[in-house]
Amino acid sequence: MAALVARLEADRAAGAALAAKDALVLRLNAQYPADVGVLSAYFLNLVVLAPTQARAPPRPGRDGRARAAAAGPLRPTLAPSAWAEGPCGAS
């Protein structure tokens, strides 16, 4: 892992244009240093979308107004521990 990251960083420092997946590997390695999961960028399908292509526009509710709209990264509204408890905290 360290050898791959060192090679990619050397290529970037030399001014070489990195492929999208190589740039993603460097970005993931910066967030998760030495994590072997960073290599998943090479075998998963990388799709790059423009900001307007990220999701379909929300469907309006009965009154014609949109119920929700997302801007920026989406985050879960419940903590993972709340998911395990079931509805209303019942186990």
Protein backbone atom coordinates (compact mmCIF):
# COMPACT_ATOMS: atom_id res chain seq x y z
CA MET A 1 0.00 0.00 0.00
CA ALA A 2 2.76 2.42 0.94
CA ALA A 3 4.62 1.73 -2.32
CA LEU A 4 1.52 2.46 -4.40
CA VAL A 5 0.82 5.71 -2.58
CA ALA A 6 4.47 6.76 -2.86
CA ARG A 7 4.44 6.10 -6.63
CA LEU A 8 1.20 8.02 -7.15
CA GLU A 9 2.43 10.97 -5.09
CA ALA A 10 5.72 10.99 -7.03
CA ASP A 11 3.79 10.99 -10.32
CA ARG A 12 1.62 13.87 -9.13
CA ALA A 13 4.67 15.83 -7.91
CA ALA A 14 6.34 15.32 -11.29
CA GLY A 15 3.36 16.98 -12.94
CA ALA A 16 1.88 13.86 -14.51
CA ALA A 17 -1.88 13.83 -14.91
CA LEU A 18 -3.38 11.14 -12.69
CA ALA A 19 -6.30 8.98 -13.75
CA ALA A 20 -9.53 9.62 -11.83
CA LYS A 21 -9.16 6.37 -9.88
CA ASP A 22 -5.55 7.16 -8.95
CA ALA A 23 -6.60 10.59 -7.65
CA LEU A 24 -9.39 8.91 -5.69
CA VAL A 25 -6.91 6.46 -4.14
CA LEU A 26 -4.75 9.38 -2.96
CA ARG A 27 -7.78 11.18 -1.54
CA LEU A 28 -9.02 8.06 0.27
CA ASN A 29 -5.53 7.33 1.59
CA ALA A 30 -5.39 10.85 3.04
CA GLN A 31 -8.66 10.17 4.89
CA TYR A 32 -7.87 6.55 5.86
CA PRO A 33 -4.07 6.15 5.99
CA ALA A 34 -2.73 2.65 5.21
CA ASP A 35 -6.24 1.17 4.99
CA VAL A 36 -6.37 -1.65 2.46
CA GLY A 37 -9.97 -0.66 1.66
CA VAL A 38 -8.55 2.26 -0.31
CA LEU A 39 -7.79 -0.26 -3.06
CA SER A 40 -11.52 -0.72 -3.62
CA ALA A 41 -11.34 2.35 -5.86
CA TYR A 42 -9.68 0.13 -8.47
CA PHE A 43 -12.33 -2.57 -8.65
CA LEU A 44 -15.52 -0.56 -8.09
CA ASN A 45 -17.20 1.35 -10.89
CA LEU A 46 -16.30 5.03 -10.51
CA VAL A 47 -19.00 7.32 -11.88
CA VAL A 48 -18.35 11.06 -11.99
CA LEU A 49 -21.50 13.18 -12.19
CA ALA A 50 -22.02 16.89 -12.62
CA PRO A 51 -23.75 18.57 -9.64
CA THR A 52 -27.09 18.68 -11.47
CA GLN A 53 -26.92 14.96 -12.29
CA ALA A 54 -26.52 13.75 -8.72
CA ARG A 55 -30.15 12.90 -8.07
CA ALA A 56 -33.62 13.26 -9.50
CA PRO A 57 -35.56 16.34 -8.38
CA PRO A 58 -37.89 15.63 -5.46
CA ARG A 59 -41.47 14.76 -6.32
CA PRO A 60 -43.98 17.27 -5.01
CA GLY A 61 -46.40 16.31 -2.26
CA ARG A 62 -50.18 16.59 -2.45
CA ASP A 63 -50.05 20.36 -2.04
CA GLY A 64 -47.52 20.73 -4.89
CA ARG A 65 -44.56 21.62 -2.66
CA ALA A 66 -41.44 19.53 -2.49
CA ARG A 67 -41.19 17.56 0.74
CA ALA A 68 -37.41 17.48 0.97
CA ALA A 69 -34.36 18.53 -0.94
CA ALA A 70 -30.76 17.59 -0.30
CA ALA A 71 -27.77 19.87 -0.69
CA GLY A 72 -24.24 18.67 -0.10
CA PRO A 73 -23.33 15.27 1.34
CA LEU A 74 -26.19 13.18 2.69
CA ARG A 75 -25.94 11.94 6.26
CA PRO A 76 -28.08 9.45 8.17
CA THR A 77 -30.57 11.02 10.55
CA LEU A 78 -30.32 8.25 13.15
CA ALA A 79 -27.26 6.95 14.87
CA PRO A 80 -26.41 3.33 13.96
CA SER A 81 -27.23 2.29 17.53
CA ALA A 82 -30.76 3.62 17.05
CA TRP A 83 -31.19 1.44 13.95
CA ALA A 84 -30.36 -1.68 15.98
CA GLU A 85 -32.94 -0.84 18.64
CA GLY A 86 -35.87 -0.96 16.21
CA PRO A 87 -38.81 1.43 15.98
CA CYS A 88 -39.42 3.66 18.99
CA GLY A 89 -36.52 2.10 20.86
CA ALA A 90 -38.18 -1.35 21.05
CA SER A 91 -35.76 -4.22 20.74
